[in-house]
PDB file of N, CA and C in Angstrom:
ATOM      1  N   MET A   1     -16.759 -62.817  18.843  1.00  0.00           N
ATOM      2  CA  MET A   1     -15.415 -62.315  19.035  1.00  0.00           C
ATOM      3  C   MET A   1     -14.453 -63.505  19.197  1.00  0.00           C
ATOM      4  N   ASP A   2     -13.413 -63.526  18.366  1.00  0.00           N
ATOM      5  CA  ASP A   2     -12.431 -64.612  18.445  1.00  0.00           C
ATOM      6  C   ASP A   2     -11.510 -64.390  19.623  1.00  0.00           C
ATOM      7  N   LYS A   3     -11.242 -65.483  20.314  1.00  0.00           N
ATOM      8  CA  LYS A   3     -10.265 -65.407  21.403  1.00  0.00           C
ATOM      9  C   LYS A   3      -8.880 -65.598  20.824  1.00  0.00           C
ATOM     10  N   LYS A   4      -7.980 -64.703  21.158  1.00  0.00           N
ATOM     11  CA  LYS A   4      -6.602 -64.833  20.712  1.00  0.00           C
ATOM     12  C   LYS A   4      -5.813 -65.527  21.806  1.00  0.00           C
ATOM     13  N   LEU A   5      -4.917 -66.380  21.392  1.00  0.00           N
ATOM     14  CA  LEU A   5      -4.053 -67.039  22.352  1.00  0.00           C
ATOM     15  C   LEU A   5      -2.990 -66.057  22.811  1.00  0.00           C
ATOM     16  N   HIS A   6      -2.837 -65.988  24.081  1.00  0.00           N
ATOM     17  CA  HIS A   6      -1.812 -65.116  24.645  1.00  0.00           C
ATOM     18  C   HIS A   6      -0.701 -65.997  25.186  1.00  0.00           C
ATOM     19  N   VAL A   7       0.501 -65.745  24.733  1.00  0.00           N
ATOM     20  CA  VAL A   7       1.650 -66.525  25.176  1.00  0.00           C
ATOM     21  C   VAL A   7       2.439 -65.685  26.163  1.00  0.00           C
ATOM     22  N   ASP A   8       2.568 -66.176  27.373  1.00  0.00           N
ATOM     23  CA  ASP A   8       3.365 -65.477  28.376  1.00  0.00           C
ATOM     24  C   ASP A   8       4.845 -65.636  28.058  1.00  0.00           C
ATOM     25  N   LEU A   9       5.573 -64.591  28.327  1.00  0.00           N
ATOM     26  CA  LEU A   9       7.022 -64.660  28.168  1.00  0.00           C
ATOM     27  C   LEU A   9       7.607 -65.306  29.412  1.00  0.00           C
ATOM     28  N   SER A  10       8.562 -66.172  29.198  1.00  0.00           N
ATOM     29  CA  SER A  10       9.195 -66.841  30.338  1.00  0.00           C
ATOM     30  C   SER A  10      10.047 -65.844  31.103  1.00  0.00           C
ATOM     31  N   PRO A  11      10.283 -66.087  32.386  1.00  0.00           N
ATOM     32  CA  PRO A  11      11.170 -65.203  33.151  1.00  0.00           C
ATOM     33  C   PRO A  11      12.556 -65.080  32.513  1.00  0.00           C
ATOM     34  N   ASP A  12      13.049 -66.164  31.930  1.00  0.00           N
ATOM     35  CA  ASP A  12      14.363 -66.134  31.286  1.00  0.00           C
ATOM     36  C   ASP A  12      14.354 -65.194  30.074  1.00  0.00           C
ATOM     37  N   THR A  13      13.306 -65.278  29.269  1.00  0.00           N
ATOM     38  CA  THR A  13      13.187 -64.393  28.108  1.00  0.00           C
ATOM     39  C   THR A  13      13.071 -62.942  28.537  1.00  0.00           C
ATOM     40  N   LEU A  14      12.261 -62.684  29.542  1.00  0.00           N
ATOM     41  CA  LEU A  14      12.116 -61.319  30.046  1.00  0.00           C
ATOM     42  C   LEU A  14      13.448 -60.755  30.518  1.00  0.00           C
ATOM     43  N   GLU A  15      14.212 -61.565  31.224  1.00  0.00           N
ATOM     44  CA  GLU A  15      15.514 -61.119  31.729  1.00  0.00           C
ATOM     45  C   GLU A  15      16.475 -60.824  30.579  1.00  0.00           C
ATOM     46  N   LYS A  16      16.503 -61.683  29.570  1.00  0.00           N
ATOM     47  CA  LYS A  16      17.396 -61.478  28.430  1.00  0.00           C
ATOM     48  C   LYS A  16      17.037 -60.210  27.657  1.00  0.00           C
ATOM     49  N   VAL A  17      15.745 -60.000  27.419  1.00  0.00           N
ATOM     50  CA  VAL A  17      15.303 -58.798  26.706  1.00  0.00           C
ATOM     51  C   VAL A  17      15.656 -57.546  27.513  1.00  0.00           C
ATOM     52  N   SER A  18      15.417 -57.598  28.804  1.00  0.00           N
ATOM     53  CA  SER A  18      15.741 -56.472  29.677  1.00  0.00           C
ATOM     54  C   SER A  18      17.237 -56.170  29.642  1.00  0.00           C
ATOM     55  N   THR A  19      18.052 -57.196  29.654  1.00  0.00           N
ATOM     56  CA  THR A  19      19.504 -57.027  29.623  1.00  0.00           C
ATOM     57  C   THR A  19      19.956 -56.381  28.316  1.00  0.00           C
ATOM     58  N   ILE A  20      19.361 -56.781  27.206  1.00  0.00           N
ATOM     59  CA  ILE A  20      19.701 -56.181  25.915  1.00  0.00           C
ATOM     60  C   ILE A  20      19.361 -54.696  25.913  1.00  0.00           C
ATOM     61  N   PHE A  21      18.158 -54.360  26.404  1.00  0.00           N
ATOM     62  CA  PHE A  21      17.777 -52.945  26.424  1.00  0.00           C
ATOM     63  C   PHE A  21      18.637 -52.141  27.396  1.00  0.00           C
ATOM     64  N   LYS A  22      19.067 -52.750  28.492  1.00  0.00           N
ATOM     65  CA  LYS A  22      19.984 -52.057  29.405  1.00  0.00           C
ATOM     66  C   LYS A  22      21.312 -51.781  28.700  1.00  0.00           C
ATOM     67  N   ALA A  23      21.789 -52.748  27.941  1.00  0.00           N
ATOM     68  CA  ALA A  23      23.046 -52.560  27.209  1.00  0.00           C
ATOM     69  C   ALA A  23      22.910 -51.437  26.197  1.00  0.00           C
ATOM     70  N   LEU A  24      21.744 -51.335  25.577  1.00  0.00           N
ATOM     71  CA  LEU A  24      21.517 -50.303  24.565  1.00  0.00           C
ATOM     72  C   LEU A  24      21.136 -48.954  25.164  1.00  0.00           C
ATOM     73  N   SER A  25      21.018 -48.892  26.469  1.00  0.00           N
ATOM     74  CA  SER A  25      20.598 -47.635  27.099  1.00  0.00           C
ATOM     75  C   SER A  25      21.763 -46.691  27.395  1.00  0.00           C
ATOM     76  N   ASP A  26      22.973 -47.140  27.171  1.00  0.00           N
ATOM     77  CA  ASP A  26      24.154 -46.330  27.474  1.00  0.00           C
ATOM     78  C   ASP A  26      24.694 -45.674  26.201  1.00  0.00           C
ATOM     79  N   PRO A  27      24.843 -44.342  26.192  1.00  0.00           N
ATOM     80  CA  PRO A  27      25.331 -43.657  24.980  1.00  0.00           C
ATOM     81  C   PRO A  27      26.686 -44.156  24.475  1.00  0.00           C
ATOM     82  N   THR A  28      27.594 -44.473  25.374  1.00  0.00           N
ATOM     83  CA  THR A  28      28.914 -44.953  24.941  1.00  0.00           C
ATOM     84  C   THR A  28      28.793 -46.305  24.249  1.00  0.00           C
ATOM     85  N   ARG A  29      27.980 -47.190  24.794  1.00  0.00           N
ATOM     86  CA  ARG A  29      27.795 -48.493  24.157  1.00  0.00           C
ATOM     87  C   ARG A  29      27.082 -48.349  22.821  1.00  0.00           C
ATOM     88  N   ILE A  30      26.161 -47.407  22.722  1.00  0.00           N
ATOM     89  CA  ILE A  30      25.487 -47.159  21.438  1.00  0.00           C
ATOM     90  C   ILE A  30      26.518 -46.710  20.406  1.00  0.00           C
ATOM     91  N   LYS A  31      27.410 -45.789  20.795  1.00  0.00           N
ATOM     92  CA  LYS A  31      28.451 -45.317  19.876  1.00  0.00           C
ATOM     93  C   LYS A  31      29.332 -46.477  19.410  1.00  0.00           C
ATOM     94  N   ILE A  32      29.735 -47.315  20.361  1.00  0.00           N
ATOM     95  CA  ILE A  32      30.612 -48.449  20.038  1.00  0.00           C
ATOM     96  C   ILE A  32      29.906 -49.421  19.101  1.00  0.00           C
ATOM     97  N   LEU A  33      28.685 -49.801  19.427  1.00  0.00           N
ATOM     98  CA  LEU A  33      27.954 -50.753  18.588  1.00  0.00           C
ATOM     99  C   LEU A  33      27.676 -50.177  17.204  1.00  0.00           C
ATOM    100  N   HIS A  34      27.369 -48.886  17.156  1.00  0.00           N
ATOM    101  CA  HIS A  34      27.121 -48.257  15.848  1.00  0.00           C
ATOM    102  C   HIS A  34      28.391 -48.287  15.001  1.00  0.00           C
ATOM    103  N   LEU A  35      29.518 -47.941  15.598  1.00  0.00           N
ATOM    104  CA  LEU A  35      30.790 -47.982  14.864  1.00  0.00           C
ATOM    105  C   LEU A  35      31.094 -49.402  14.405  1.00  0.00           C
ATOM    106  N   LEU A  36      30.906 -50.377  15.295  1.00  0.00           N
ATOM    107  CA  LEU A  36      31.197 -51.767  14.939  1.00  0.00           C
ATOM    108  C   LEU A  36      30.222 -52.319  13.912  1.00  0.00           C
ATOM    109  N   SER A  37      29.054 -51.720  13.800  1.00  0.00           N
ATOM    110  CA  SER A  37      28.117 -52.164  12.765  1.00  0.00           C
ATOM    111  C   SER A  37      28.604 -51.727  11.382  1.00  0.00           C
ATOM    112  N   GLU A  38      29.502 -50.750  11.366  1.00  0.00           N
ATOM    113  CA  GLU A  38      30.035 -50.239  10.105  1.00  0.00           C
ATOM    114  C   GLU A  38      31.395 -50.825   9.737  1.00  0.00           C
ATOM    115  N   GLU A  39      32.191 -51.188  10.756  1.00  0.00           N
ATOM    116  CA  GLU A  39      33.523 -51.729  10.478  1.00  0.00           C
ATOM    117  C   GLU A  39      34.081 -52.458  11.697  1.00  0.00           C
ATOM    118  N   GLU A  40      34.955 -53.395  11.427  1.00  0.00           N
ATOM    119  CA  GLU A  40      35.702 -54.070  12.481  1.00  0.00           C
ATOM    120  C   GLU A  40      36.757 -53.090  12.981  1.00  0.00           C
ATOM    121  N   CYS A  41      36.948 -53.020  14.309  1.00  0.00           N
ATOM    122  CA  CYS A  41      37.859 -52.004  14.858  1.00  0.00           C
ATOM    123  C   CYS A  41      38.700 -52.556  16.008  1.00  0.00           C
ATOM    124  N   SER A  42      39.863 -51.955  16.170  1.00  0.00           N
ATOM    125  CA  SER A  42      40.677 -52.177  17.356  1.00  0.00           C
ATOM    126  C   SER A  42      40.247 -51.174  18.429  1.00  0.00           C
ATOM    127  N   VAL A  43      40.636 -51.421  19.668  1.00  0.00           N
ATOM    128  CA  VAL A  43      40.335 -50.492  20.755  1.00  0.00           C
ATOM    129  C   VAL A  43      40.955 -49.129  20.463  1.00  0.00           C
ATOM    130  N   THR A  44      42.173 -49.117  19.965  1.00  0.00           N
ATOM    131  CA  THR A  44      42.849 -47.860  19.646  1.00  0.00           C
ATOM    132  C   THR A  44      42.057 -47.054  18.624  1.00  0.00           C
ATOM    133  N   HIS A  45      41.615 -47.717  17.563  1.00  0.00           N
ATOM    134  CA  HIS A  45      40.833 -47.028  16.535  1.00  0.00           C
ATOM    135  C   HIS A  45      39.522 -46.499  17.114  1.00  0.00           C
ATOM    136  N   MET A  46      38.838 -47.332  17.891  1.00  0.00           N
ATOM    137  CA  MET A  46      37.569 -46.896  18.490  1.00  0.00           C
ATOM    138  C   MET A  46      37.774 -45.689  19.391  1.00  0.00           C
ATOM    139  N   SER A  47      38.823 -45.721  20.198  1.00  0.00           N
ATOM    140  CA  SER A  47      39.048 -44.605  21.127  1.00  0.00           C
ATOM    141  C   SER A  47      39.339 -43.313  20.364  1.00  0.00           C
ATOM    142  N   GLU A  48      40.063 -43.416  19.246  1.00  0.00           N
ATOM    143  CA  GLU A  48      40.351 -42.229  18.437  1.00  0.00           C
ATOM    144  C   GLU A  48      39.095 -41.702  17.750  1.00  0.00           C
ATOM    145  N   VAL A  49      38.339 -42.594  17.114  1.00  0.00           N
ATOM    146  CA  VAL A  49      37.143 -42.192  16.359  1.00  0.00           C
ATOM    147  C   VAL A  49      36.067 -41.640  17.291  1.00  0.00           C
ATOM    148  N   LEU A  50      35.899 -42.281  18.443  1.00  0.00           N
ATOM    149  CA  LEU A  50      34.827 -41.898  19.362  1.00  0.00           C
ATOM    150  C   LEU A  50      35.267 -40.877  20.403  1.00  0.00           C
ATOM    151  N   ASN A  51      36.543 -40.507  20.371  1.00  0.00           N
ATOM    152  CA  ASN A  51      37.087 -39.541  21.330  1.00  0.00           C
ATOM    153  C   ASN A  51      36.848 -39.989  22.773  1.00  0.00           C
ATOM    154  N   LEU A  52      37.194 -41.249  23.028  1.00  0.00           N
ATOM    155  CA  LEU A  52      37.068 -41.844  24.365  1.00  0.00           C
ATOM    156  C   LEU A  52      38.413 -42.439  24.755  1.00  0.00           C
ATOM    157  N   SER A  53      38.625 -42.590  26.043  1.00  0.00           N
ATOM    158  CA  SER A  53      39.867 -43.223  26.484  1.00  0.00           C
ATOM    159  C   SER A  53      39.827 -44.707  26.130  1.00  0.00           C
ATOM    160  N   GLN A  54      40.998 -45.287  25.933  1.00  0.00           N
ATOM    161  CA  GLN A  54      41.069 -46.725  25.655  1.00  0.00           C
ATOM    162  C   GLN A  54      40.484 -47.513  26.819  1.00  0.00           C
ATOM    163  N   SER A  55      40.685 -47.018  28.024  1.00  0.00           N
ATOM    164  CA  SER A  55      40.136 -47.677  29.204  1.00  0.00           C
ATOM    165  C   SER A  55      38.609 -47.710  29.173  1.00  0.00           C
ATOM    166  N   ALA A  56      37.997 -46.591  28.801  1.00  0.00           N
ATOM    167  CA  ALA A  56      36.530 -46.522  28.720  1.00  0.00           C
ATOM    168  C   ALA A  56      36.001 -47.473  27.651  1.00  0.00           C
ATOM    169  N   VAL A  57      36.664 -47.494  26.510  1.00  0.00           N
ATOM    170  CA  VAL A  57      36.257 -48.383  25.423  1.00  0.00           C
ATOM    171  C   VAL A  57      36.400 -49.842  25.861  1.00  0.00           C
ATOM    172  N   SER A  58      37.524 -50.175  26.455  1.00  0.00           N
ATOM    173  CA  SER A  58      37.759 -51.550  26.904  1.00  0.00           C
ATOM    174  C   SER A  58      36.732 -51.994  27.933  1.00  0.00           C
ATOM    175  N   HIS A  59      36.405 -51.109  28.850  1.00  0.00           N
ATOM    176  CA  HIS A  59      35.405 -51.426  29.878  1.00  0.00           C
ATOM    177  C   HIS A  59      34.053 -51.759  29.241  1.00  0.00           C
ATOM    178  N   GLN A  60      33.626 -50.935  28.295  1.00  0.00           N
ATOM    179  CA  GLN A  60      32.340 -51.174  27.638  1.00  0.00           C
ATOM    180  C   GLN A  60      32.385 -52.420  26.752  1.00  0.00           C
ATOM    181  N   LEU A  61      33.504 -52.644  26.091  1.00  0.00           N
ATOM    182  CA  LEU A  61      33.644 -53.842  25.261  1.00  0.00           C
ATOM    183  C   LEU A  61      33.566 -55.107  26.098  1.00  0.00           C
ATOM    184  N   SER A  62      34.105 -55.057  27.298  1.00  0.00           N
ATOM    185  CA  SER A  62      34.036 -56.208  28.190  1.00  0.00           C
ATOM    186  C   SER A  62      32.588 -56.564  28.500  1.00  0.00           C
ATOM    187  N   LEU A  63      31.794 -55.554  28.801  1.00  0.00           N
ATOM    188  CA  LEU A  63      30.380 -55.789  29.072  1.00  0.00           C
ATOM    189  C   LEU A  63      29.672 -56.320  27.825  1.00  0.00           C
ATOM    190  N   LEU A  64      29.918 -55.699  26.691  1.00  0.00           N
ATOM    191  CA  LEU A  64      29.286 -56.132  25.445  1.00  0.00           C
ATOM    192  C   LEU A  64      29.721 -57.537  25.039  1.00  0.00           C
ATOM    193  N   ARG A  65      30.961 -57.866  25.310  1.00  0.00           N
ATOM    194  CA  ARG A  65      31.466 -59.207  25.011  1.00  0.00           C
ATOM    195  C   ARG A  65      30.788 -60.245  25.909  1.00  0.00           C
ATOM    196  N   ASN A  66      30.629 -59.913  27.194  1.00  0.00           N
ATOM    197  CA  ASN A  66      29.962 -60.831  28.124  1.00  0.00           C
ATOM    198  C   ASN A  66      28.511 -61.082  27.735  1.00  0.00           C
ATOM    199  N   LEU A  67      27.887 -60.107  27.109  1.00  0.00           N
ATOM    200  CA  LEU A  67      26.502 -60.252  26.640  1.00  0.00           C
ATOM    201  C   LEU A  67      26.430 -60.883  25.244  1.00  0.00           C
ATOM    202  N   ARG A  68      27.590 -61.187  24.680  1.00  0.00           N
ATOM    203  CA  ARG A  68      27.723 -61.766  23.341  1.00  0.00           C
ATOM    204  C   ARG A  68      27.154 -60.850  22.255  1.00  0.00           C
ATOM    205  N   LEU A  69      27.321 -59.554  22.471  1.00  0.00           N
ATOM    206  CA  LEU A  69      26.906 -58.581  21.460  1.00  0.00           C
ATOM    207  C   LEU A  69      28.071 -58.209  20.554  1.00  0.00           C
ATOM    208  N   VAL A  70      29.298 -58.403  21.048  1.00  0.00           N
ATOM    209  CA  VAL A  70      30.487 -58.210  20.215  1.00  0.00           C
ATOM    210  C   VAL A  70      31.392 -59.429  20.355  1.00  0.00           C
ATOM    211  N   LYS A  71      32.190 -59.627  19.340  1.00  0.00           N
ATOM    212  CA  LYS A  71      33.178 -60.705  19.355  1.00  0.00           C
ATOM    213  C   LYS A  71      34.518 -60.106  18.981  1.00  0.00           C
ATOM    214  N   PHE A  72      35.572 -60.871  19.153  1.00  0.00           N
ATOM    215  CA  PHE A  72      36.892 -60.357  18.814  1.00  0.00           C
ATOM    216  C   PHE A  72      37.732 -61.435  18.162  1.00  0.00           C
ATOM    217  N   ARG A  73      38.751 -60.966  17.462  1.00  0.00           N
ATOM    218  CA  ARG A  73      39.768 -61.849  16.888  1.00  0.00           C
ATOM    219  C   ARG A  73      41.115 -61.185  17.112  1.00  0.00           C
ATOM    220  N   ARG A  74      42.103 -61.993  17.287  1.00  0.00           N
ATOM    221  CA  ARG A  74      43.449 -61.493  17.537  1.00  0.00           C
ATOM    222  C   ARG A  74      44.280 -61.638  16.267  1.00  0.00           C
ATOM    223  N   GLU A  75      44.976 -60.565  15.912  1.00  0.00           N
ATOM    224  CA  GLU A  75      45.895 -60.592  14.781  1.00  0.00           C
ATOM    225  C   GLU A  75      47.206 -60.006  15.268  1.00  0.00           C
ATOM    226  N   ALA A  76      48.211 -60.866  15.422  1.00  0.00           N
ATOM    227  CA  ALA A  76      49.496 -60.477  16.044  1.00  0.00           C
ATOM    228  C   ALA A  76      49.204 -59.909  17.426  1.00  0.00           C
ATOM    229  N   ASN A  77      49.589 -58.645  17.672  1.00  0.00           N
ATOM    230  CA  ASN A  77      49.369 -58.039  18.991  1.00  0.00           C
ATOM    231  C   ASN A  77      48.111 -57.180  19.061  1.00  0.00           C
ATOM    232  N   THR A  78      47.317 -57.184  17.999  1.00  0.00           N
ATOM    233  CA  THR A  78      46.128 -56.337  17.955  1.00  0.00           C
ATOM    234  C   THR A  78      44.866 -57.187  18.036  1.00  0.00           C
ATOM    235  N   VAL A  79      43.899 -56.706  18.814  1.00  0.00           N
ATOM    236  CA  VAL A  79      42.601 -57.363  18.925  1.00  0.00           C
ATOM    237  C   VAL A  79      41.590 -56.520  18.155  1.00  0.00           C
ATOM    238  N   TYR A  80      40.859 -57.169  17.268  1.00  0.00           N
ATOM    239  CA  TYR A  80      39.839 -56.502  16.478  1.00  0.00           C
ATOM    240  C   TYR A  80      38.456 -56.962  16.924  1.00  0.00           C
ATOM    241  N   TYR A  81      37.570 -56.001  17.098  1.00  0.00           N
ATOM    242  CA  TYR A  81      36.210 -56.283  17.549  1.00  0.00           C
ATOM    243  C   TYR A  81      35.227 -56.086  16.412  1.00  0.00           C
ATOM    244  N   SER A  82      34.148 -56.867  16.457  1.00  0.00           N
ATOM    245  CA  SER A  82      33.057 -56.737  15.491  1.00  0.00           C
ATOM    246  C   SER A  82      31.757 -57.137  16.183  1.00  0.00           C
ATOM    247  N   CYS A  83      30.655 -56.869  15.531  1.00  0.00           N
ATOM    248  CA  CYS A  83      29.341 -57.212  16.084  1.00  0.00           C
ATOM    249  C   CYS A  83      29.150 -58.724  16.072  1.00  0.00           C
ATOM    250  N   ASP A  84      28.453 -59.200  17.084  1.00  0.00           N
ATOM    251  CA  ASP A  84      28.202 -60.639  17.174  1.00  0.00           C
ATOM    252  C   ASP A  84      26.719 -60.958  17.233  1.00  0.00           C
ATOM    253  N   ASP A  85      25.847 -59.952  17.099  1.00  0.00           N
ATOM    254  CA  ASP A  85      24.414 -60.211  17.154  1.00  0.00           C
ATOM    255  C   ASP A  85      23.697 -59.246  16.210  1.00  0.00           C
ATOM    256  N   GLU A  86      23.431 -59.716  15.015  1.00  0.00           N
ATOM    257  CA  GLU A  86      22.807 -58.863  13.996  1.00  0.00           C
ATOM    258  C   GLU A  86      21.391 -58.439  14.374  1.00  0.00           C
ATOM    259  N   HIS A  87      20.703 -59.244  15.205  1.00  0.00           N
ATOM    260  CA  HIS A  87      19.371 -58.852  15.650  1.00  0.00           C
ATOM    261  C   HIS A  87      19.432 -57.570  16.477  1.00  0.00           C
ATOM    262  N   VAL A  88      20.396 -57.499  17.374  1.00  0.00           N
ATOM    263  CA  VAL A  88      20.536 -56.318  18.227  1.00  0.00           C
ATOM    264  C   VAL A  88      20.974 -55.122  17.398  1.00  0.00           C
ATOM    265  N   ILE A  89      21.851 -55.342  16.429  1.00  0.00           N
ATOM    266  CA  ILE A  89      22.282 -54.252  15.548  1.00  0.00           C
ATOM    267  C   ILE A  89      21.092 -53.745  14.730  1.00  0.00           C
ATOM    268  N   SER A  90      20.249 -54.635  14.271  1.00  0.00           N
ATOM    269  CA  SER A  90      19.044 -54.233  13.552  1.00  0.00           C
ATOM    270  C   SER A  90      18.146 -53.390  14.447  1.00  0.00           C
ATOM    271  N   LEU A  91      17.985 -53.807  15.683  1.00  0.00           N
ATOM    272  CA  LEU A  91      17.195 -53.060  16.657  1.00  0.00           C
ATOM    273  C   LEU A  91      17.801 -51.671  16.882  1.00  0.00           C
ATOM    274  N   LEU A  92      19.126 -51.614  17.036  1.00  0.00           N
ATOM    275  CA  LEU A  92      19.823 -50.347  17.231  1.00  0.00           C
ATOM    276  C   LEU A  92      19.617 -49.425  16.024  1.00  0.00           C
ATOM    277  N   LYS A  93      19.770 -49.965  14.825  1.00  0.00           N
ATOM    278  CA  LYS A  93      19.601 -49.149  13.621  1.00  0.00           C
ATOM    279  C   LYS A  93      18.172 -48.642  13.485  1.00  0.00           C
ATOM    280  N   GLN A  94      17.194 -49.472  13.862  1.00  0.00           N
ATOM    281  CA  GLN A  94      15.802 -49.032  13.831  1.00  0.00           C
ATOM    282  C   GLN A  94      15.568 -47.888  14.823  1.00  0.00           C
ATOM    283  N   ALA A  95      16.157 -48.009  15.998  1.00  0.00           N
ATOM    284  CA  ALA A  95      16.010 -46.944  17.012  1.00  0.00           C
ATOM    285  C   ALA A  95      16.658 -45.652  16.526  1.00  0.00           C
ATOM    286  N   ILE A  96      17.825 -45.760  15.894  1.00  0.00           N
ATOM    287  CA  ILE A  96      18.513 -44.572  15.357  1.00  0.00           C
ATOM    288  C   ILE A  96      17.666 -43.954  14.246  1.00  0.00           C
ATOM    289  N   GLN A  97      17.135 -44.783  13.358  1.00  0.00           N
ATOM    290  CA  GLN A  97      16.284 -44.295  12.272  1.00  0.00           C
ATOM    291  C   GLN A  97      15.052 -43.593  12.861  1.00  0.00           C
ATOM    292  N   HIS A  98      14.447 -44.170  13.857  1.00  0.00           N
ATOM    293  CA  HIS A  98      13.280 -43.591  14.489  1.00  0.00           C
ATOM    294  C   HIS A  98      13.628 -42.234  15.114  1.00  0.00           C
ATOM    295  N   ALA A  99      14.765 -42.166  15.794  1.00  0.00           N
ATOM    296  CA  ALA A  99      15.174 -40.928  16.454  1.00  0.00           C
ATOM    297  C   ALA A  99      15.532 -39.836  15.442  1.00  0.00           C
ATOM    298  N   CYS A 100      16.130 -40.234  14.332  1.00  0.00           N
ATOM    299  CA  CYS A 100      16.553 -39.265  13.317  1.00  0.00           C
ATOM    300  C   CYS A 100      15.389 -38.726  12.480  1.00  0.00           C
ATOM    301  N   CYS A 101      14.310 -39.452  12.440  1.00  0.00           N
ATOM    302  CA  CYS A 101      13.214 -39.093  11.530  1.00  0.00           C
ATOM    303  C   CYS A 101      11.990 -38.566  12.250  1.00  0.00           C
ATOM    304  N   GLU A 102      12.110 -38.178  13.493  1.00  0.00           N
ATOM    305  CA  GLU A 102      10.959 -37.664  14.232  1.00  0.00           C
ATOM    306  C   GLU A 102      10.581 -36.304  13.723  1.00  0.00           C
TER     307      GLU A 102
END
């Protein structure tokens, strides 16, 4: 029997992975990330499309921005948000595909 090498995950890696899954565990954040995976959006557009208050959207975007899952750019007086981590978006899309195809 061959012995396989087992690599322990560092505490830092475990914490980062846990934080990503916590971010993806909230339905509102899932809606926001899914929308942003399809198009760049302003807070106003997101609140209209997702039927959420601008305050709720802004609050969640702040958390997602701090985790570097979304980024923003300013154009005149409007801020546009987009995804900043394609790995997490891929994970999200896989989870959605899995849930839709059960």
